[in-house]
Amino acid sequence: MYLLDTNILLEILLQQENSNECEKFMNNNLGALAISDFTLHSIGVILLRDKKYEVFGNFISEVLEKVIIFNLPMSSYSLIAEYSKKTGLDFDDTYQCLVAKHYILSIVTMDFDFKKVEDVKVLFL
């Protein structure tokens, strides 16, 4: 199962350069896609800040039915600072890694900061 990093979804929602590749990956892996609650909230913050209300509405109605949403269990929050220190990742990437580790997911991303990660499988698009 794949944990989609926020940038994969934003690439599609904002119709950026690699949106076709990201959409193709999602379409080829329906039934095996997940996002973190952090990704959901980040997309909401970004799209609503930019007044892209319709895009956010479409995301909620079209994308969320195709993914499972995972959250980081409260018992794992104590691991965030140490994991960030160990890997050099910022908060959002650390959160994604810990969610992936907890639920045994592979992260799908375009963020090369994840090259620092050795204990989670990462697929770069």
PDB file of N, CA and C in Angstrom:
ATOM      1  N   MET A   1       0.836  -1.171   0.000  1.00  0.00           N
ATOM      2  CA  MET A   1       0.000   0.000   0.000  1.00  0.00           C
ATOM      3  C   MET A   1       0.888   1.244   0.000  1.00  0.00           C
ATOM      4  N   TYR A   2       0.426   2.310  -0.634  1.00  0.00           N
ATOM      5  CA  TYR A   2       1.213   3.517  -0.840  1.00  0.00           C
ATOM      6  C   TYR A   2       0.654   4.701  -0.061  1.00  0.00           C
ATOM      7  N   LEU A   3       1.540   5.423   0.611  1.00  0.00           N
ATOM      8  CA  LEU A   3       1.199   6.672   1.275  1.00  0.00           C
ATOM      9  C   LEU A   3       1.610   7.803   0.340  1.00  0.00           C
ATOM     10  N   LEU A   4       0.630   8.511  -0.195  1.00  0.00           N
ATOM     11  CA  LEU A   4       0.907   9.611  -1.110  1.00  0.00           C
ATOM     12  C   LEU A   4       1.377  10.819  -0.321  1.00  0.00           C
ATOM     13  N   ASP A   5       2.528  11.335  -0.682  1.00  0.00           N
ATOM     14  CA  ASP A   5       3.008  12.559  -0.060  1.00  0.00           C
ATOM     15  C   ASP A   5       2.163  13.721  -0.580  1.00  0.00           C
ATOM     16  N   THR A   6       2.106  14.770   0.189  1.00  0.00           N
ATOM     17  CA  THR A   6       1.277  15.927  -0.151  1.00  0.00           C
ATOM     18  C   THR A   6       1.596  16.458  -1.540  1.00  0.00           C
ATOM     19  N   ASN A   7       2.863  16.452  -1.927  1.00  0.00           N
ATOM     20  CA  ASN A   7       3.248  17.033  -3.217  1.00  0.00           C
ATOM     21  C   ASN A   7       2.661  16.280  -4.406  1.00  0.00           C
ATOM     22  N   ILE A   8       2.386  15.015  -4.254  1.00  0.00           N
ATOM     23  CA  ILE A   8       1.784  14.241  -5.350  1.00  0.00           C
ATOM     24  C   ILE A   8       0.386  14.766  -5.643  1.00  0.00           C
ATOM     25  N   LEU A   9      -0.378  14.975  -4.592  1.00  0.00           N
ATOM     26  CA  LEU A   9      -1.750  15.459  -4.760  1.00  0.00           C
ATOM     27  C   LEU A   9      -1.791  16.915  -5.195  1.00  0.00           C
ATOM     28  N   LEU A  10      -0.920  17.740  -4.631  1.00  0.00           N
ATOM     29  CA  LEU A  10      -0.882  19.142  -5.047  1.00  0.00           C
ATOM     30  C   LEU A  10      -0.473  19.276  -6.507  1.00  0.00           C
ATOM     31  N   GLU A  11       0.397  18.408  -6.963  1.00  0.00           N
ATOM     32  CA  GLU A  11       0.809  18.419  -8.368  1.00  0.00           C
ATOM     33  C   GLU A  11      -0.420  18.271  -9.273  1.00  0.00           C
ATOM     34  N   ILE A  12      -1.300  17.365  -8.900  1.00  0.00           N
ATOM     35  CA  ILE A  12      -2.526  17.124  -9.676  1.00  0.00           C
ATOM     36  C   ILE A  12      -3.508  18.272  -9.498  1.00  0.00           C
ATOM     37  N   LEU A  13      -3.776  18.629  -8.255  1.00  0.00           N
ATOM     38  CA  LEU A  13      -4.790  19.644  -7.965  1.00  0.00           C
ATOM     39  C   LEU A  13      -4.449  21.001  -8.564  1.00  0.00           C
ATOM     40  N   LEU A  14      -3.167  21.336  -8.598  1.00  0.00           N
ATOM     41  CA  LEU A  14      -2.736  22.628  -9.136  1.00  0.00           C
ATOM     42  C   LEU A  14      -2.298  22.533 -10.591  1.00  0.00           C
ATOM     43  N   GLN A  15      -2.503  21.360 -11.193  1.00  0.00           N
ATOM     44  CA  GLN A  15      -2.189  21.111 -12.601  1.00  0.00           C
ATOM     45  C   GLN A  15      -0.765  21.557 -12.943  1.00  0.00           C
ATOM     46  N   GLN A  16       0.178  21.046 -12.155  1.00  0.00           N
ATOM     47  CA  GLN A  16       1.569  21.399 -12.358  1.00  0.00           C
ATOM     48  C   GLN A  16       2.228  20.462 -13.359  1.00  0.00           C
ATOM     49  N   GLU A  17       3.512  20.673 -13.574  1.00  0.00           N
ATOM     50  CA  GLU A  17       4.285  20.016 -14.627  1.00  0.00           C
ATOM     51  C   GLU A  17       4.184  18.490 -14.650  1.00  0.00           C
ATOM     52  N   ASN A  18       4.195  17.851 -13.491  1.00  0.00           N
ATOM     53  CA  ASN A  18       4.190  16.384 -13.431  1.00  0.00           C
ATOM     54  C   ASN A  18       2.831  15.796 -13.067  1.00  0.00           C
ATOM     55  N   SER A  19       1.781  16.557 -13.276  1.00  0.00           N
ATOM     56  CA  SER A  19       0.451  16.099 -12.866  1.00  0.00           C
ATOM     57  C   SER A  19       0.013  14.832 -13.600  1.00  0.00           C
ATOM     58  N   ASN A  20       0.355  14.710 -14.875  1.00  0.00           N
ATOM     59  CA  ASN A  20      -0.048  13.508 -15.623  1.00  0.00           C
ATOM     60  C   ASN A  20       0.595  12.250 -15.054  1.00  0.00           C
ATOM     61  N   GLU A  21       1.869  12.325 -14.700  1.00  0.00           N
ATOM     62  CA  GLU A  21       2.581  11.183 -14.125  1.00  0.00           C
ATOM     63  C   GLU A  21       1.965  10.797 -12.769  1.00  0.00           C
ATOM     64  N   CYS A  22       1.615  11.808 -11.982  1.00  0.00           N
ATOM     65  CA  CYS A  22       1.014  11.547 -10.667  1.00  0.00           C
ATOM     66  C   CYS A  22      -0.374  10.930 -10.820  1.00  0.00           C
ATOM     67  N   GLU A  23      -1.164  11.451 -11.732  1.00  0.00           N
ATOM     68  CA  GLU A  23      -2.501  10.892 -11.979  1.00  0.00           C
ATOM     69  C   GLU A  23      -2.402   9.456 -12.475  1.00  0.00           C
ATOM     70  N   LYS A  24      -1.467   9.208 -13.361  1.00  0.00           N
ATOM     71  CA  LYS A  24      -1.281   7.853 -13.882  1.00  0.00           C
ATOM     72  C   LYS A  24      -0.938   6.887 -12.753  1.00  0.00           C
ATOM     73  N   PHE A  25      -0.044   7.288 -11.861  1.00  0.00           N
ATOM     74  CA  PHE A  25       0.305   6.435 -10.728  1.00  0.00           C
ATOM     75  C   PHE A  25      -0.930   6.140  -9.885  1.00  0.00           C
ATOM     76  N   MET A  26      -1.694   7.168  -9.587  1.00  0.00           N
ATOM     77  CA  MET A  26      -2.895   6.963  -8.765  1.00  0.00           C
ATOM     78  C   MET A  26      -3.884   6.032  -9.458  1.00  0.00           C
ATOM     79  N   ASN A  27      -4.128   6.259 -10.725  1.00  0.00           N
ATOM     80  CA  ASN A  27      -5.081   5.423 -11.459  1.00  0.00           C
ATOM     81  C   ASN A  27      -4.620   3.971 -11.553  1.00  0.00           C
ATOM     82  N   ASN A  28      -3.317   3.757 -11.641  1.00  0.00           N
ATOM     83  CA  ASN A  28      -2.776   2.402 -11.724  1.00  0.00           C
ATOM     84  C   ASN A  28      -2.733   1.685 -10.378  1.00  0.00           C
ATOM     85  N   ASN A  29      -2.974   2.416  -9.300  1.00  0.00           N
ATOM     86  CA  ASN A  29      -2.863   1.829  -7.968  1.00  0.00           C
ATOM     87  C   ASN A  29      -4.115   2.049  -7.113  1.00  0.00           C
ATOM     88  N   LEU A  30      -5.251   2.225  -7.768  1.00  0.00           N
ATOM     89  CA  LEU A  30      -6.502   2.390  -7.026  1.00  0.00           C
ATOM     90  C   LEU A  30      -6.711   1.189  -6.111  1.00  0.00           C
ATOM     91  N   GLY A  31      -7.157   1.460  -4.920  1.00  0.00           N
ATOM     92  CA  GLY A  31      -7.349   0.402  -3.946  1.00  0.00           C
ATOM     93  C   GLY A  31      -6.142   0.178  -3.061  1.00  0.00           C
ATOM     94  N   ALA A  32      -5.030   0.838  -3.385  1.00  0.00           N
ATOM     95  CA  ALA A  32      -3.808   0.676  -2.593  1.00  0.00           C
ATOM     96  C   ALA A  32      -3.221   2.037  -2.223  1.00  0.00           C
ATOM     97  N   LEU A  33      -4.088   3.060  -2.128  1.00  0.00           N
ATOM     98  CA  LEU A  33      -3.623   4.417  -1.882  1.00  0.00           C
ATOM     99  C   LEU A  33      -4.083   4.922  -0.521  1.00  0.00           C
ATOM    100  N   ALA A  34      -3.183   5.645   0.121  1.00  0.00           N
ATOM    101  CA  ALA A  34      -3.494   6.245   1.408  1.00  0.00           C
ATOM    102  C   ALA A  34      -2.870   7.633   1.479  1.00  0.00           C
ATOM    103  N   ILE A  35      -3.402   8.458   2.369  1.00  0.00           N
ATOM    104  CA  ILE A  35      -2.794   9.741   2.700  1.00  0.00           C
ATOM    105  C   ILE A  35      -2.810   9.857   4.220  1.00  0.00           C
ATOM    106  N   SER A  36      -2.003  10.749   4.724  1.00  0.00           N
ATOM    107  CA  SER A  36      -2.045  11.024   6.161  1.00  0.00           C
ATOM    108  C   SER A  36      -3.035  12.156   6.411  1.00  0.00           C
ATOM    109  N   ASP A  37      -3.508  12.233   7.640  1.00  0.00           N
ATOM    110  CA  ASP A  37      -4.367  13.342   8.009  1.00  0.00           C
ATOM    111  C   ASP A  37      -3.620  14.663   7.849  1.00  0.00           C
ATOM    112  N   PHE A  38      -2.307  14.636   8.030  1.00  0.00           N
ATOM    113  CA  PHE A  38      -1.501  15.843   7.841  1.00  0.00           C
ATOM    114  C   PHE A  38      -1.584  16.316   6.391  1.00  0.00           C
ATOM    115  N   THR A  39      -1.547  15.396   5.451  1.00  0.00           N
ATOM    116  CA  THR A  39      -1.672  15.747   4.033  1.00  0.00           C
ATOM    117  C   THR A  39      -3.031  16.389   3.762  1.00  0.00           C
ATOM    118  N   LEU A  40      -4.079  15.792   4.290  1.00  0.00           N
ATOM    119  CA  LEU A  40      -5.421  16.357   4.112  1.00  0.00           C
ATOM    120  C   LEU A  40      -5.469  17.788   4.624  1.00  0.00           C
ATOM    121  N   HIS A  41      -4.952  18.014   5.812  1.00  0.00           N
ATOM    122  CA  HIS A  41      -4.973  19.357   6.402  1.00  0.00           C
ATOM    123  C   HIS A  41      -4.088  20.325   5.626  1.00  0.00           C
ATOM    124  N   SER A  42      -2.928  19.876   5.188  1.00  0.00           N
ATOM    125  CA  SER A  42      -2.022  20.740   4.424  1.00  0.00           C
ATOM    126  C   SER A  42      -2.657  21.182   3.111  1.00  0.00           C
ATOM    127  N   ILE A  43      -3.307  20.261   2.438  1.00  0.00           N
ATOM    128  CA  ILE A  43      -3.975  20.604   1.176  1.00  0.00           C
ATOM    129  C   ILE A  43      -5.083  21.616   1.438  1.00  0.00           C
ATOM    130  N   GLY A  44      -5.829  21.397   2.507  1.00  0.00           N
ATOM    131  CA  GLY A  44      -6.873  22.364   2.870  1.00  0.00           C
ATOM    132  C   GLY A  44      -6.298  23.740   3.132  1.00  0.00           C
ATOM    133  N   VAL A  45      -5.228  23.820   3.885  1.00  0.00           N
ATOM    134  CA  VAL A  45      -4.596  25.105   4.196  1.00  0.00           C
ATOM    135  C   VAL A  45      -4.141  25.792   2.912  1.00  0.00           C
ATOM    136  N   ILE A  46      -3.457  25.065   2.050  1.00  0.00           N
ATOM    137  CA  ILE A  46      -2.904  25.649   0.824  1.00  0.00           C
ATOM    138  C   ILE A  46      -4.005  26.100  -0.131  1.00  0.00           C
ATOM    139  N   LEU A  47      -4.964  25.226  -0.389  1.00  0.00           N
ATOM    140  CA  LEU A  47      -6.001  25.571  -1.367  1.00  0.00           C
ATOM    141  C   LEU A  47      -6.920  26.683  -0.871  1.00  0.00           C
ATOM    142  N   LEU A  48      -7.298  26.639   0.384  1.00  0.00           N
ATOM    143  CA  LEU A  48      -8.192  27.683   0.897  1.00  0.00           C
ATOM    144  C   LEU A  48      -7.466  29.012   1.061  1.00  0.00           C
ATOM    145  N   ARG A  49      -6.190  28.974   1.415  1.00  0.00           N
ATOM    146  CA  ARG A  49      -5.388  30.206   1.488  1.00  0.00           C
ATOM    147  C   ARG A  49      -5.369  30.895   0.125  1.00  0.00           C
ATOM    148  N   ASP A  50      -5.283  30.070  -0.932  1.00  0.00           N
ATOM    149  CA  ASP A  50      -5.241  30.597  -2.296  1.00  0.00           C
ATOM    150  C   ASP A  50      -6.630  30.776  -2.906  1.00  0.00           C
ATOM    151  N   LYS A  51      -7.655  30.629  -2.063  1.00  0.00           N
ATOM    152  CA  LYS A  51      -9.055  30.813  -2.471  1.00  0.00           C
ATOM    153  C   LYS A  51      -9.468  29.859  -3.597  1.00  0.00           C
ATOM    154  N   LYS A  52      -8.912  28.665  -3.582  1.00  0.00           N
ATOM    155  CA  LYS A  52      -9.244  27.640  -4.574  1.00  0.00           C
ATOM    156  C   LYS A  52     -10.316  26.723  -3.967  1.00  0.00           C
ATOM    157  N   TYR A  53     -11.457  27.329  -3.676  1.00  0.00           N
ATOM    158  CA  TYR A  53     -12.537  26.633  -2.986  1.00  0.00           C
ATOM    159  C   TYR A  53     -13.089  25.473  -3.810  1.00  0.00           C
ATOM    160  N   GLU A  54     -13.259  25.695  -5.100  1.00  0.00           N
ATOM    161  CA  GLU A  54     -13.801  24.645  -5.970  1.00  0.00           C
ATOM    162  C   GLU A  54     -12.826  23.476  -6.090  1.00  0.00           C
ATOM    163  N   VAL A  55     -11.541  23.775  -6.188  1.00  0.00           N
ATOM    164  CA  VAL A  55     -10.528  22.727  -6.268  1.00  0.00           C
ATOM    165  C   VAL A  55     -10.556  21.890  -4.993  1.00  0.00           C
ATOM    166  N   PHE A  56     -10.662  22.567  -3.839  1.00  0.00           N
ATOM    167  CA  PHE A  56     -10.723  21.829  -2.577  1.00  0.00           C
ATOM    168  C   PHE A  56     -11.988  20.980  -2.509  1.00  0.00           C
ATOM    169  N   GLY A  57     -13.110  21.524  -2.947  1.00  0.00           N
ATOM    170  CA  GLY A  57     -14.358  20.761  -2.971  1.00  0.00           C
ATOM    171  C   GLY A  57     -14.251  19.530  -3.851  1.00  0.00           C
ATOM    172  N   ASN A  58     -13.629  19.685  -5.013  1.00  0.00           N
ATOM    173  CA  ASN A  58     -13.439  18.541  -5.911  1.00  0.00           C
ATOM    174  C   ASN A  58     -12.508  17.501  -5.288  1.00  0.00           C
ATOM    175  N   PHE A  59     -11.479  17.969  -4.604  1.00  0.00           N
ATOM    176  CA  PHE A  59     -10.564  17.062  -3.909  1.00  0.00           C
ATOM    177  C   PHE A  59     -11.332  16.236  -2.882  1.00  0.00           C
ATOM    178  N   ILE A  60     -12.148  16.893  -2.096  1.00  0.00           N
ATOM    179  CA  ILE A  60     -12.913  16.195  -1.064  1.00  0.00           C
ATOM    180  C   ILE A  60     -13.859  15.170  -1.689  1.00  0.00           C
ATOM    181  N   SER A  61     -14.546  15.549  -2.741  1.00  0.00           N
ATOM    182  CA  SER A  61     -15.553  14.650  -3.309  1.00  0.00           C
ATOM    183  C   SER A  61     -14.982  13.571  -4.226  1.00  0.00           C
ATOM    184  N   GLU A  62     -13.867  13.845  -4.898  1.00  0.00           N
ATOM    185  CA  GLU A  62     -13.339  12.894  -5.870  1.00  0.00           C
ATOM    186  C   GLU A  62     -12.153  12.081  -5.355  1.00  0.00           C
ATOM    187  N   VAL A  63     -11.230  12.725  -4.700  1.00  0.00           N
ATOM    188  CA  VAL A  63      -9.992  12.039  -4.299  1.00  0.00           C
ATOM    189  C   VAL A  63     -10.182  11.263  -3.007  1.00  0.00           C
ATOM    190  N   LEU A  64     -10.856  11.852  -2.052  1.00  0.00           N
ATOM    191  CA  LEU A  64     -10.950  11.193  -0.747  1.00  0.00           C
ATOM    192  C   LEU A  64     -11.685   9.866  -0.792  1.00  0.00           C
ATOM    193  N   GLU A  65     -12.522   9.663  -1.787  1.00  0.00           N
ATOM    194  CA  GLU A  65     -13.197   8.367  -1.896  1.00  0.00           C
ATOM    195  C   GLU A  65     -12.267   7.281  -2.426  1.00  0.00           C
ATOM    196  N   LYS A  66     -11.093   7.677  -2.912  1.00  0.00           N
ATOM    197  CA  LYS A  66     -10.148   6.726  -3.501  1.00  0.00           C
ATOM    198  C   LYS A  66      -8.979   6.379  -2.578  1.00  0.00           C
ATOM    199  N   VAL A  67      -8.934   7.006  -1.402  1.00  0.00           N
ATOM    200  CA  VAL A  67      -7.798   6.797  -0.504  1.00  0.00           C
ATOM    201  C   VAL A  67      -8.275   6.475   0.905  1.00  0.00           C
ATOM    202  N   ILE A  68      -7.386   5.856   1.657  1.00  0.00           N
ATOM    203  CA  ILE A  68      -7.593   5.655   3.090  1.00  0.00           C
ATOM    204  C   ILE A  68      -6.813   6.754   3.794  1.00  0.00           C
ATOM    205  N   ILE A  69      -7.379   7.307   4.851  1.00  0.00           N
ATOM    206  CA  ILE A  69      -6.690   8.343   5.613  1.00  0.00           C
ATOM    207  C   ILE A  69      -6.158   7.732   6.907  1.00  0.00           C
ATOM    208  N   PHE A  70      -4.841   7.857   7.087  1.00  0.00           N
ATOM    209  CA  PHE A  70      -4.200   7.363   8.300  1.00  0.00           C
ATOM    210  C   PHE A  70      -3.710   8.542   9.145  1.00  0.00           C
ATOM    211  N   ASN A  71      -3.765   8.366  10.440  1.00  0.00           N
ATOM    212  CA  ASN A  71      -3.192   9.363  11.329  1.00  0.00           C
ATOM    213  C   ASN A  71      -2.086   8.725  12.144  1.00  0.00           C
ATOM    214  N   LEU A  72      -1.240   9.570  12.682  1.00  0.00           N
ATOM    215  CA  LEU A  72      -0.176   9.089  13.551  1.00  0.00           C
ATOM    216  C   LEU A  72      -0.770   8.869  14.934  1.00  0.00           C
ATOM    217  N   PRO A  73      -0.666   7.665  15.464  1.00  0.00           N
ATOM    218  CA  PRO A  73      -1.203   7.423  16.807  1.00  0.00           C
ATOM    219  C   PRO A  73      -0.535   8.332  17.840  1.00  0.00           C
ATOM    220  N   MET A  74      -1.296   8.752  18.809  1.00  0.00           N
ATOM    221  CA  MET A  74      -0.771   9.652  19.846  1.00  0.00           C
ATOM    222  C   MET A  74       0.487   9.086  20.495  1.00  0.00           C
ATOM    223  N   SER A  75       0.554   7.785  20.640  1.00  0.00           N
ATOM    224  CA  SER A  75       1.721   7.158  21.277  1.00  0.00           C
ATOM    225  C   SER A  75       3.000   7.342  20.461  1.00  0.00           C
ATOM    226  N   SER A  76       2.871   7.696  19.185  1.00  0.00           N
ATOM    227  CA  SER A  76       4.043   7.887  18.331  1.00  0.00           C
ATOM    228  C   SER A  76       4.514   9.333  18.253  1.00  0.00           C
ATOM    229  N   TYR A  77       3.737  10.258  18.788  1.00  0.00           N
ATOM    230  CA  TYR A  77       4.133  11.671  18.732  1.00  0.00           C
ATOM    231  C   TYR A  77       5.462  11.908  19.448  1.00  0.00           C
ATOM    232  N   SER A  78       5.736  11.110  20.451  1.00  0.00           N
ATOM    233  CA  SER A  78       6.992  11.268  21.191  1.00  0.00           C
ATOM    234  C   SER A  78       8.205  10.908  20.332  1.00  0.00           C
ATOM    235  N   LEU A  79       8.001  10.267  19.206  1.00  0.00           N
ATOM    236  CA  LEU A  79       9.093   9.866  18.316  1.00  0.00           C
ATOM    237  C   LEU A  79       9.469  10.948  17.300  1.00  0.00           C
ATOM    238  N   ILE A  80       8.619  11.955  17.145  1.00  0.00           N
ATOM    239  CA  ILE A  80       8.805  12.941  16.070  1.00  0.00           C
ATOM    240  C   ILE A  80      10.144  13.669  16.180  1.00  0.00           C
ATOM    241  N   ALA A  81      10.447  14.222  17.327  1.00  0.00           N
ATOM    242  CA  ALA A  81      11.680  15.017  17.457  1.00  0.00           C
ATOM    243  C   ALA A  81      12.920  14.163  17.210  1.00  0.00           C
ATOM    244  N   GLU A  82      12.961  12.978  17.785  1.00  0.00           N
ATOM    245  CA  GLU A  82      14.134  12.119  17.624  1.00  0.00           C
ATOM    246  C   GLU A  82      14.299  11.664  16.169  1.00  0.00           C
ATOM    247  N   TYR A  83      13.188  11.321  15.512  1.00  0.00           N
ATOM    248  CA  TYR A  83      13.268  10.873  14.117  1.00  0.00           C
ATOM    249  C   TYR A  83      13.733  12.025  13.220  1.00  0.00           C
ATOM    250  N   SER A  84      13.231  13.219  13.491  1.00  0.00           N
ATOM    251  CA  SER A  84      13.649  14.388  12.730  1.00  0.00           C
ATOM    252  C   SER A  84      15.144  14.653  12.924  1.00  0.00           C
ATOM    253  N   LYS A  85      15.599  14.541  14.151  1.00  0.00           N
ATOM    254  CA  LYS A  85      17.018  14.741  14.452  1.00  0.00           C
ATOM    255  C   LYS A  85      17.872  13.695  13.736  1.00  0.00           C
ATOM    256  N   LYS A  86      17.413  12.452  13.749  1.00  0.00           N
ATOM    257  CA  LYS A  86      18.152  11.343  13.133  1.00  0.00           C
ATOM    258  C   LYS A  86      18.245  11.482  11.613  1.00  0.00           C
ATOM    259  N   THR A  87      17.150  11.907  10.978  1.00  0.00           N
ATOM    260  CA  THR A  87      17.093  11.937   9.514  1.00  0.00           C
ATOM    261  C   THR A  87      17.362  13.310   8.912  1.00  0.00           C
ATOM    262  N   GLY A  88      17.212  14.363   9.710  1.00  0.00           N
ATOM    263  CA  GLY A  88      17.358  15.710   9.175  1.00  0.00           C
ATOM    264  C   GLY A  88      16.120  16.195   8.438  1.00  0.00           C
ATOM    265  N   LEU A  89      15.015  15.465   8.573  1.00  0.00           N
ATOM    266  CA  LEU A  89      13.772  15.847   7.899  1.00  0.00           C
ATOM    267  C   LEU A  89      13.020  16.899   8.706  1.00  0.00           C
ATOM    268  N   ASP A  90      12.226  17.702   8.014  1.00  0.00           N
ATOM    269  CA  ASP A  90      11.379  18.661   8.712  1.00  0.00           C
ATOM    270  C   ASP A  90      10.142  17.949   9.272  1.00  0.00           C
ATOM    271  N   PHE A  91       9.267  18.706   9.918  1.00  0.00           N
ATOM    272  CA  PHE A  91       8.139  18.099  10.618  1.00  0.00           C
ATOM    273  C   PHE A  91       7.237  17.303   9.683  1.00  0.00           C
ATOM    274  N   ASP A  92       6.842  17.895   8.557  1.00  0.00           N
ATOM    275  CA  ASP A  92       5.865  17.209   7.696  1.00  0.00           C
ATOM    276  C   ASP A  92       6.434  15.923   7.102  1.00  0.00           C
ATOM    277  N   ASP A  93       7.689  15.931   6.705  1.00  0.00           N
ATOM    278  CA  ASP A  93       8.291  14.709   6.165  1.00  0.00           C
ATOM    279  C   ASP A  93       8.484  13.661   7.259  1.00  0.00           C
ATOM    280  N   THR A  94       8.851  14.110   8.442  1.00  0.00           N
ATOM    281  CA  THR A  94       8.977  13.197   9.576  1.00  0.00           C
ATOM    282  C   THR A  94       7.634  12.555   9.889  1.00  0.00           C
ATOM    283  N   TYR A  95       6.594  13.354   9.903  1.00  0.00           N
ATOM    284  CA  TYR A  95       5.248  12.842  10.173  1.00  0.00           C
ATOM    285  C   TYR A  95       4.880  11.767   9.158  1.00  0.00           C
ATOM    286  N   GLN A  96       5.132  12.041   7.883  1.00  0.00           N
ATOM    287  CA  GLN A  96       4.829  11.073   6.828  1.00  0.00           C
ATOM    288  C   GLN A  96       5.593   9.765   7.057  1.00  0.00           C
ATOM    289  N   CYS A  97       6.857   9.878   7.387  1.00  0.00           N
ATOM    290  CA  CYS A  97       7.664   8.668   7.617  1.00  0.00           C
ATOM    291  C   CYS A  97       7.144   7.856   8.789  1.00  0.00           C
ATOM    292  N   LEU A  98       6.792   8.524   9.851  1.00  0.00           N
ATOM    293  CA  LEU A  98       6.304   7.793  11.020  1.00  0.00           C
ATOM    294  C   LEU A  98       4.952   7.140  10.753  1.00  0.00           C
ATOM    295  N   VAL A  99       4.102   7.795   9.978  1.00  0.00           N
ATOM    296  CA  VAL A  99       2.832   7.169   9.573  1.00  0.00           C
ATOM    297  C   VAL A  99       3.129   5.945   8.712  1.00  0.00           C
ATOM    298  N   ALA A 100       4.030   6.104   7.749  1.00  0.00           N
ATOM    299  CA  ALA A 100       4.385   4.987   6.870  1.00  0.00           C
ATOM    300  C   ALA A 100       4.968   3.824   7.670  1.00  0.00           C
ATOM    301  N   LYS A 101       5.837   4.112   8.611  1.00  0.00           N
ATOM    302  CA  LYS A 101       6.431   3.057   9.439  1.00  0.00           C
ATOM    303  C   LYS A 101       5.360   2.346  10.262  1.00  0.00           C
ATOM    304  N   HIS A 102       4.481   3.120  10.875  1.00  0.00           N
ATOM    305  CA  HIS A 102       3.472   2.540  11.756  1.00  0.00           C
ATOM    306  C   HIS A 102       2.531   1.593  10.998  1.00  0.00           C
ATOM    307  N   TYR A 103       2.115   1.998   9.803  1.00  0.00           N
ATOM    308  CA  TYR A 103       1.137   1.216   9.041  1.00  0.00           C
ATOM    309  C   TYR A 103       1.783   0.346   7.960  1.00  0.00           C
ATOM    310  N   ILE A 104       3.111   0.341   7.908  1.00  0.00           N
ATOM    311  CA  ILE A 104       3.896  -0.426   6.938  1.00  0.00           C
ATOM    312  C   ILE A 104       3.468  -0.068   5.505  1.00  0.00           C
ATOM    313  N   LEU A 105       3.674   1.199   5.158  1.00  0.00           N
ATOM    314  CA  LEU A 105       3.335   1.742   3.850  1.00  0.00           C
ATOM    315  C   LEU A 105       4.606   2.210   3.147  1.00  0.00           C
ATOM    316  N   SER A 106       4.559   2.269   1.832  1.00  0.00           N
ATOM    317  CA  SER A 106       5.632   2.874   1.041  1.00  0.00           C
ATOM    318  C   SER A 106       5.224   4.304   0.710  1.00  0.00           C
ATOM    319  N   ILE A 107       6.136   5.234   0.871  1.00  0.00           N
ATOM    320  CA  ILE A 107       5.848   6.634   0.566  1.00  0.00           C
ATOM    321  C   ILE A 107       6.076   6.880  -0.921  1.00  0.00           C
ATOM    322  N   VAL A 108       5.135   7.575  -1.547  1.00  0.00           N
ATOM    323  CA  VAL A 108       5.273   7.993  -2.943  1.00  0.00           C
ATOM    324  C   VAL A 108       5.405   9.511  -2.926  1.00  0.00           C
ATOM    325  N   THR A 109       6.478  10.015  -3.513  1.00  0.00           N
ATOM    326  CA  THR A 109       6.784  11.433  -3.407  1.00  0.00           C
ATOM    327  C   THR A 109       7.602  11.920  -4.592  1.00  0.00           C
ATOM    328  N   MET A 110       7.739  13.228  -4.668  1.00  0.00           N
ATOM    329  CA  MET A 110       8.681  13.864  -5.588  1.00  0.00           C
ATOM    330  C   MET A 110       9.704  14.675  -4.792  1.00  0.00           C
ATOM    331  N   ASP A 111       9.654  14.557  -3.491  1.00  0.00           N
ATOM    332  CA  ASP A 111      10.505  15.306  -2.576  1.00  0.00           C
ATOM    333  C   ASP A 111      11.776  14.506  -2.288  1.00  0.00           C
ATOM    334  N   PHE A 112      12.896  14.983  -2.803  1.00  0.00           N
ATOM    335  CA  PHE A 112      14.151  14.247  -2.664  1.00  0.00           C
ATOM    336  C   PHE A 112      14.747  14.324  -1.258  1.00  0.00           C
ATOM    337  N   ASP A 113      14.113  15.072  -0.355  1.00  0.00           N
ATOM    338  CA  ASP A 113      14.539  15.025   1.050  1.00  0.00           C
ATOM    339  C   ASP A 113      14.381  13.607   1.600  1.00  0.00           C
ATOM    340  N   PHE A 114      13.456  12.843   1.029  1.00  0.00           N
ATOM    341  CA  PHE A 114      13.217  11.478   1.490  1.00  0.00           C
ATOM    342  C   PHE A 114      14.373  10.523   1.147  1.00  0.00           C
ATOM    343  N   LYS A 115      15.349  10.994   0.362  1.00  0.00           N
ATOM    344  CA  LYS A 115      16.526  10.151   0.083  1.00  0.00           C
ATOM    345  C   LYS A 115      17.313   9.880   1.357  1.00  0.00           C
ATOM    346  N   LYS A 116      17.097  10.690   2.378  1.00  0.00           N
ATOM    347  CA  LYS A 116      17.777  10.523   3.668  1.00  0.00           C
ATOM    348  C   LYS A 116      17.203   9.356   4.469  1.00  0.00           C
ATOM    349  N   VAL A 117      16.057   8.853   4.049  1.00  0.00           N
ATOM    350  CA  VAL A 117      15.329   7.851   4.828  1.00  0.00           C
ATOM    351  C   VAL A 117      15.806   6.457   4.447  1.00  0.00           C
ATOM    352  N   GLU A 118      16.144   5.677   5.461  1.00  0.00           N
ATOM    353  CA  GLU A 118      16.624   4.322   5.222  1.00  0.00           C
ATOM    354  C   GLU A 118      15.691   3.251   5.759  1.00  0.00           C
ATOM    355  N   ASP A 119      14.764   3.624   6.607  1.00  0.00           N
ATOM    356  CA  ASP A 119      13.922   2.621   7.270  1.00  0.00           C
ATOM    357  C   ASP A 119      12.474   2.612   6.782  1.00  0.00           C
ATOM    358  N   VAL A 120      12.210   3.329   5.700  1.00  0.00           N
ATOM    359  CA  VAL A 120      10.895   3.337   5.055  1.00  0.00           C
ATOM    360  C   VAL A 120      11.133   3.229   3.560  1.00  0.00           C
ATOM    361  N   LYS A 121      10.340   2.414   2.889  1.00  0.00           N
ATOM    362  CA  LYS A 121      10.457   2.313   1.437  1.00  0.00           C
ATOM    363  C   LYS A 121       9.882   3.577   0.804  1.00  0.00           C
ATOM    364  N   VAL A 122      10.642   4.176  -0.113  1.00  0.00           N
ATOM    365  CA  VAL A 122      10.217   5.410  -0.770  1.00  0.00           C
ATOM    366  C   VAL A 122      10.286   5.217  -2.277  1.00  0.00           C
ATOM    367  N   LEU A 123       9.217   5.587  -2.956  1.00  0.00           N
ATOM    368  CA  LEU A 123       9.142   5.543  -4.408  1.00  0.00           C
ATOM    369  C   LEU A 123       9.089   6.979  -4.911  1.00  0.00           C
ATOM    370  N   PHE A 124      10.051   7.354  -5.738  1.00  0.00           N
ATOM    371  CA  PHE A 124      10.104   8.710  -6.284  1.00  0.00           C
ATOM    372  C   PHE A 124       9.480   8.735  -7.670  1.00  0.00           C
ATOM    373  N   LEU A 125       8.569   9.655  -7.887  1.00  0.00           N
ATOM    374  CA  LEU A 125       7.972   9.834  -9.220  1.00  0.00           C
ATOM    375  C   LEU A 125       8.720  10.936  -9.951  1.00  0.00           C
TER     376      LEU A 125
END
